[in-house]
Amino acid sequence: MRHTEFWSRMESALGAGYARHWAAQTVLGELGGRTPDEALGAGMTPKEVWAAVWRALELPPVDR
């Protein structure tokens, strides 16, 4: 997964106006106590970060 796909999925799940804010403000334990933005900046792959976001938001399997 590329960063563009990650952000597309985030916008689809949370809306274009809220996705980036959520990713910058929401700390996930599964990401080592980092926000999705911080996790991506620390070198985690978009696929790993999306998996954590998907679980945190309890999205349907089709969005996996």
PDB file of N, CA and C in Angstrom:
ATOM      1  N   MET A   1       0.851  -1.173   0.000  1.00  0.00           N
ATOM      2  CA  MET A   1       0.000   0.000   0.000  1.00  0.00           C
ATOM      3  C   MET A   1       0.899   1.240   0.000  1.00  0.00           C
ATOM      4  N   ARG A   2       0.543   2.194  -0.803  1.00  0.00           N
ATOM      5  CA  ARG A   2       1.271   3.465  -0.857  1.00  0.00           C
ATOM      6  C   ARG A   2       0.587   4.486   0.054  1.00  0.00           C
ATOM      7  N   HIS A   3       1.296   5.555   0.328  1.00  0.00           N
ATOM      8  CA  HIS A   3       0.731   6.605   1.166  1.00  0.00           C
ATOM      9  C   HIS A   3      -0.548   7.184   0.556  1.00  0.00           C
ATOM     10  N   THR A   4      -0.578   7.310  -0.761  1.00  0.00           N
ATOM     11  CA  THR A   4      -1.774   7.866  -1.405  1.00  0.00           C
ATOM     12  C   THR A   4      -2.990   6.979  -1.167  1.00  0.00           C
ATOM     13  N   GLU A   5      -2.803   5.662  -1.214  1.00  0.00           N
ATOM     14  CA  GLU A   5      -3.912   4.751  -0.950  1.00  0.00           C
ATOM     15  C   GLU A   5      -4.329   4.830   0.520  1.00  0.00           C
ATOM     16  N   PHE A   6      -3.340   4.918   1.408  1.00  0.00           N
ATOM     17  CA  PHE A   6      -3.637   5.056   2.835  1.00  0.00           C
ATOM     18  C   PHE A   6      -4.542   6.267   3.062  1.00  0.00           C
ATOM     19  N   TRP A   7      -4.155   7.427   2.510  1.00  0.00           N
ATOM     20  CA  TRP A   7      -4.933   8.645   2.723  1.00  0.00           C
ATOM     21  C   TRP A   7      -6.284   8.570   2.047  1.00  0.00           C
ATOM     22  N   SER A   8      -6.365   7.911   0.927  1.00  0.00           N
ATOM     23  CA  SER A   8      -7.648   7.721   0.266  1.00  0.00           C
ATOM     24  C   SER A   8      -8.589   6.901   1.148  1.00  0.00           C
ATOM     25  N   ARG A   9      -8.055   5.854   1.762  1.00  0.00           N
ATOM     26  CA  ARG A   9      -8.864   5.025   2.664  1.00  0.00           C
ATOM     27  C   ARG A   9      -9.275   5.804   3.909  1.00  0.00           C
ATOM     28  N   MET A  10      -8.351   6.608   4.428  1.00  0.00           N
ATOM     29  CA  MET A  10      -8.674   7.430   5.597  1.00  0.00           C
ATOM     30  C   MET A  10      -9.810   8.395   5.278  1.00  0.00           C
ATOM     31  N   GLU A  11      -9.724   9.035   4.118  1.00  0.00           N
ATOM     32  CA  GLU A  11     -10.766   9.984   3.724  1.00  0.00           C
ATOM     33  C   GLU A  11     -12.093   9.287   3.482  1.00  0.00           C
ATOM     34  N   SER A  12     -12.031   8.101   2.951  1.00  0.00           N
ATOM     35  CA  SER A  12     -13.255   7.332   2.734  1.00  0.00           C
ATOM     36  C   SER A  12     -13.911   6.962   4.069  1.00  0.00           C
ATOM     37  N   ALA A  13     -13.094   6.613   5.043  1.00  0.00           N
ATOM     38  CA  ALA A  13     -13.619   6.189   6.346  1.00  0.00           C
ATOM     39  C   ALA A  13     -14.082   7.359   7.206  1.00  0.00           C
ATOM     40  N   LEU A  14     -13.350   8.475   7.143  1.00  0.00           N
ATOM     41  CA  LEU A  14     -13.612   9.572   8.076  1.00  0.00           C
ATOM     42  C   LEU A  14     -14.069  10.874   7.423  1.00  0.00           C
ATOM     43  N   GLY A  15     -13.985  10.943   6.123  1.00  0.00           N
ATOM     44  CA  GLY A  15     -14.324  12.179   5.427  1.00  0.00           C
ATOM     45  C   GLY A  15     -13.074  12.990   5.150  1.00  0.00           C
ATOM     46  N   ALA A  16     -13.094  13.676   4.034  1.00  0.00           N
ATOM     47  CA  ALA A  16     -11.917  14.427   3.600  1.00  0.00           C
ATOM     48  C   ALA A  16     -11.521  15.520   4.580  1.00  0.00           C
ATOM     49  N   GLY A  17     -12.488  16.124   5.227  1.00  0.00           N
ATOM     50  CA  GLY A  17     -12.192  17.217   6.137  1.00  0.00           C
ATOM     51  C   GLY A  17     -11.686  16.786   7.506  1.00  0.00           C
ATOM     52  N   TYR A  18     -11.879  15.538   7.858  1.00  0.00           N
ATOM     53  CA  TYR A  18     -11.552  15.080   9.215  1.00  0.00           C
ATOM     54  C   TYR A  18     -10.398  14.078   9.253  1.00  0.00           C
ATOM     55  N   ALA A  19     -10.128  13.393   8.169  1.00  0.00           N
ATOM     56  CA  ALA A  19      -9.149  12.299   8.168  1.00  0.00           C
ATOM     57  C   ALA A  19      -7.760  12.745   8.631  1.00  0.00           C
ATOM     58  N   ARG A  20      -7.268  13.843   8.097  1.00  0.00           N
ATOM     59  CA  ARG A  20      -5.917  14.301   8.465  1.00  0.00           C
ATOM     60  C   ARG A  20      -5.876  14.773   9.921  1.00  0.00           C
ATOM     61  N   HIS A  21      -6.923  15.425  10.363  1.00  0.00           N
ATOM     62  CA  HIS A  21      -6.983  15.861  11.762  1.00  0.00           C
ATOM     63  C   HIS A  21      -6.965  14.648  12.693  1.00  0.00           C
ATOM     64  N   TRP A  22      -7.789  13.659  12.390  1.00  0.00           N
ATOM     65  CA  TRP A  22      -7.847  12.449  13.209  1.00  0.00           C
ATOM     66  C   TRP A  22      -6.489  11.772  13.260  1.00  0.00           C
ATOM     67  N   ALA A  23      -5.835  11.666  12.107  1.00  0.00           N
ATOM     68  CA  ALA A  23      -4.532  10.996  12.034  1.00  0.00           C
ATOM     69  C   ALA A  23      -3.450  11.751  12.794  1.00  0.00           C
ATOM     70  N   ALA A  24      -3.618  13.049  12.947  1.00  0.00           N
ATOM     71  CA  ALA A  24      -2.634  13.857  13.659  1.00  0.00           C
ATOM     72  C   ALA A  24      -2.904  13.927  15.157  1.00  0.00           C
ATOM     73  N   GLN A  25      -4.142  13.626  15.574  1.00  0.00           N
ATOM     74  CA  GLN A  25      -4.524  13.807  16.968  1.00  0.00           C
ATOM     75  C   GLN A  25      -4.782  12.529  17.753  1.00  0.00           C
ATOM     76  N   THR A  26      -5.052  11.434  17.069  1.00  0.00           N
ATOM     77  CA  THR A  26      -5.472  10.214  17.748  1.00  0.00           C
ATOM     78  C   THR A  26      -4.289   9.290  17.997  1.00  0.00           C
ATOM     79  N   VAL A  27      -4.005   9.060  19.255  1.00  0.00           N
ATOM     80  CA  VAL A  27      -2.909   8.176  19.657  1.00  0.00           C
ATOM     81  C   VAL A  27      -3.445   6.752  19.753  1.00  0.00           C
ATOM     82  N   LEU A  28      -2.735   5.832  19.111  1.00  0.00           N
ATOM     83  CA  LEU A  28      -3.129   4.423  19.130  1.00  0.00           C
ATOM     84  C   LEU A  28      -2.040   3.601  19.817  1.00  0.00           C
ATOM     85  N   GLY A  29      -2.431   2.853  20.832  1.00  0.00           N
ATOM     86  CA  GLY A  29      -1.484   1.988  21.525  1.00  0.00           C
ATOM     87  C   GLY A  29      -0.827   0.990  20.597  1.00  0.00           C
ATOM     88  N   GLU A  30      -1.589   0.521  19.641  1.00  0.00           N
ATOM     89  CA  GLU A  30      -1.076  -0.462  18.690  1.00  0.00           C
ATOM     90  C   GLU A  30       0.057   0.106  17.824  1.00  0.00           C
ATOM     91  N   LEU A  31       0.131   1.422  17.765  1.00  0.00           N
ATOM     92  CA  LEU A  31       1.204   2.075  16.994  1.00  0.00           C
ATOM     93  C   LEU A  31       2.313   2.555  17.920  1.00  0.00           C
ATOM     94  N   GLY A  32       2.419   1.938  19.066  1.00  0.00           N
ATOM     95  CA  GLY A  32       3.470   2.311  20.009  1.00  0.00           C
ATOM     96  C   GLY A  32       3.191   3.619  20.720  1.00  0.00           C
ATOM     97  N   GLY A  33       1.909   3.931  20.901  1.00  0.00           N
ATOM     98  CA  GLY A  33       1.557   5.180  21.575  1.00  0.00           C
ATOM     99  C   GLY A  33       1.761   6.395  20.685  1.00  0.00           C
ATOM    100  N   ARG A  34       1.693   6.193  19.383  1.00  0.00           N
ATOM    101  CA  ARG A  34       1.864   7.283  18.422  1.00  0.00           C
ATOM    102  C   ARG A  34       0.573   7.500  17.650  1.00  0.00           C
ATOM    103  N   THR A  35       0.490   8.648  17.038  1.00  0.00           N
ATOM    104  CA  THR A  35      -0.614   8.908  16.121  1.00  0.00           C
ATOM    105  C   THR A  35      -0.287   8.234  14.788  1.00  0.00           C
ATOM    106  N   PRO A  36      -1.268   8.043  13.927  1.00  0.00           N
ATOM    107  CA  PRO A  36      -0.954   7.507  12.603  1.00  0.00           C
ATOM    108  C   PRO A  36       0.082   8.360  11.858  1.00  0.00           C
ATOM    109  N   ASP A  37      -0.018   9.675  11.957  1.00  0.00           N
ATOM    110  CA  ASP A  37       0.976  10.551  11.326  1.00  0.00           C
ATOM    111  C   ASP A  37       2.374  10.277  11.860  1.00  0.00           C
ATOM    112  N   GLU A  38       2.490  10.181  13.173  1.00  0.00           N
ATOM    113  CA  GLU A  38       3.791   9.919  13.790  1.00  0.00           C
ATOM    114  C   GLU A  38       4.328   8.552  13.388  1.00  0.00           C
ATOM    115  N   ALA A  39       3.447   7.563  13.341  1.00  0.00           N
ATOM    116  CA  ALA A  39       3.861   6.209  12.965  1.00  0.00           C
ATOM    117  C   ALA A  39       4.387   6.181  11.534  1.00  0.00           C
ATOM    118  N   LEU A  40       3.694   6.863  10.631  1.00  0.00           N
ATOM    119  CA  LEU A  40       4.179   6.929   9.248  1.00  0.00           C
ATOM    120  C   LEU A  40       5.521   7.650   9.194  1.00  0.00           C
ATOM    121  N   GLY A  41       5.655   8.726   9.940  1.00  0.00           N
ATOM    122  CA  GLY A  41       6.901   9.478   9.978  1.00  0.00           C
ATOM    123  C   GLY A  41       8.054   8.695  10.579  1.00  0.00           C
ATOM    124  N   ALA A  42       7.725   7.745  11.454  1.00  0.00           N
ATOM    125  CA  ALA A  42       8.748   6.921  12.097  1.00  0.00           C
ATOM    126  C   ALA A  42       9.147   5.725  11.242  1.00  0.00           C
ATOM    127  N   GLY A  43       8.515   5.579  10.078  1.00  0.00           N
ATOM    128  CA  GLY A  43       8.909   4.504   9.173  1.00  0.00           C
ATOM    129  C   GLY A  43       7.998   3.299   9.118  1.00  0.00           C
ATOM    130  N   MET A  44       6.902   3.317   9.867  1.00  0.00           N
ATOM    131  CA  MET A  44       5.953   2.216   9.734  1.00  0.00           C
ATOM    132  C   MET A  44       5.336   2.295   8.347  1.00  0.00           C
ATOM    133  N   THR A  45       5.005   1.155   7.791  1.00  0.00           N
ATOM    134  CA  THR A  45       4.422   1.149   6.455  1.00  0.00           C
ATOM    135  C   THR A  45       2.966   1.601   6.521  1.00  0.00           C
ATOM    136  N   PRO A  46       2.476   2.194   5.438  1.00  0.00           N
ATOM    137  CA  PRO A  46       1.063   2.565   5.409  1.00  0.00           C
ATOM    138  C   PRO A  46       0.147   1.365   5.658  1.00  0.00           C
ATOM    139  N   LYS A  47       0.553   0.191   5.196  1.00  0.00           N
ATOM    140  CA  LYS A  47      -0.258  -1.008   5.413  1.00  0.00           C
ATOM    141  C   LYS A  47      -0.372  -1.331   6.904  1.00  0.00           C
ATOM    142  N   GLU A  48       0.735  -1.236   7.633  1.00  0.00           N
ATOM    143  CA  GLU A  48       0.715  -1.496   9.075  1.00  0.00           C
ATOM    144  C   GLU A  48      -0.151  -0.469   9.802  1.00  0.00           C
ATOM    145  N   VAL A  49       0.010   0.785   9.417  1.00  0.00           N
ATOM    146  CA  VAL A  49      -0.749   1.851  10.074  1.00  0.00           C
ATOM    147  C   VAL A  49      -2.231   1.713   9.747  1.00  0.00           C
ATOM    148  N   TRP A  50      -2.550   1.403   8.489  1.00  0.00           N
ATOM    149  CA  TRP A  50      -3.959   1.233   8.126  1.00  0.00           C
ATOM    150  C   TRP A  50      -4.586   0.095   8.922  1.00  0.00           C
ATOM    151  N   ALA A  51      -3.868  -0.992   9.103  1.00  0.00           N
ATOM    152  CA  ALA A  51      -4.406  -2.132   9.859  1.00  0.00           C
ATOM    153  C   ALA A  51      -4.772  -1.698  11.275  1.00  0.00           C
ATOM    154  N   ALA A  52      -3.930  -0.890  11.894  1.00  0.00           N
ATOM    155  CA  ALA A  52      -4.214  -0.404  13.249  1.00  0.00           C
ATOM    156  C   ALA A  52      -5.406   0.545  13.253  1.00  0.00           C
ATOM    157  N   VAL A  53      -5.466   1.426  12.259  1.00  0.00           N
ATOM    158  CA  VAL A  53      -6.588   2.361  12.145  1.00  0.00           C
ATOM    159  C   VAL A  53      -7.885   1.587  11.910  1.00  0.00           C
ATOM    160  N   TRP A  54      -7.819   0.624  11.023  1.00  0.00           N
ATOM    161  CA  TRP A  54      -9.000  -0.191  10.696  1.00  0.00           C
ATOM    162  C   TRP A  54      -9.565  -0.846  11.958  1.00  0.00           C
ATOM    163  N   ARG A  55      -8.682  -1.408  12.763  1.00  0.00           N
ATOM    164  CA  ARG A  55      -9.137  -2.048  14.008  1.00  0.00           C
ATOM    165  C   ARG A  55      -9.673  -1.011  15.001  1.00  0.00           C
ATOM    166  N   ALA A  56      -8.987   0.116  15.125  1.00  0.00           N
ATOM    167  CA  ALA A  56      -9.410   1.147  16.084  1.00  0.00           C
ATOM    168  C   ALA A  56     -10.782   1.712  15.731  1.00  0.00           C
ATOM    169  N   LEU A  57     -11.045   1.871  14.444  1.00  0.00           N
ATOM    170  CA  LEU A  57     -12.327   2.420  14.008  1.00  0.00           C
ATOM    171  C   LEU A  57     -13.414   1.359  13.871  1.00  0.00           C
ATOM    172  N   GLU A  58     -13.015   0.092  14.052  1.00  0.00           N
ATOM    173  CA  GLU A  58     -13.954  -1.030  13.921  1.00  0.00           C
ATOM    174  C   GLU A  58     -14.690  -0.973  12.585  1.00  0.00           C
ATOM    175  N   LEU A  59     -13.903  -0.809  11.532  1.00  0.00           N
ATOM    176  CA  LEU A  59     -14.463  -0.731  10.186  1.00  0.00           C
ATOM    177  C   LEU A  59     -14.843  -2.129   9.699  1.00  0.00           C
ATOM    178  N   PRO A  60     -15.731  -2.218   8.735  1.00  0.00           N
ATOM    179  CA  PRO A  60     -16.152  -3.527   8.241  1.00  0.00           C
ATOM    180  C   PRO A  60     -15.035  -4.237   7.474  1.00  0.00           C
ATOM    181  N   PRO A  61     -15.096  -5.568   7.413  1.00  0.00           N
ATOM    182  CA  PRO A  61     -14.055  -6.345   6.726  1.00  0.00           C
ATOM    183  C   PRO A  61     -13.802  -5.896   5.287  1.00  0.00           C
ATOM    184  N   VAL A  62     -14.802  -5.381   4.615  1.00  0.00           N
ATOM    185  CA  VAL A  62     -14.630  -4.946   3.231  1.00  0.00           C
ATOM    186  C   VAL A  62     -13.607  -3.805   3.134  1.00  0.00           C
ATOM    187  N   ASP A  63     -13.415  -3.050   4.214  1.00  0.00           N
ATOM    188  CA  ASP A  63     -12.465  -1.931   4.225  1.00  0.00           C
ATOM    189  C   ASP A  63     -11.055  -2.340   4.622  1.00  0.00           C
ATOM    190  N   ARG A  64     -10.860  -3.599   4.913  1.00  0.00           N
ATOM    191  CA  ARG A  64      -9.560  -4.066   5.345  1.00  0.00           C
ATOM    192  C   ARG A  64      -8.606  -3.892   4.218  1.00  0.00           C
TER     193      ARG A  64
END
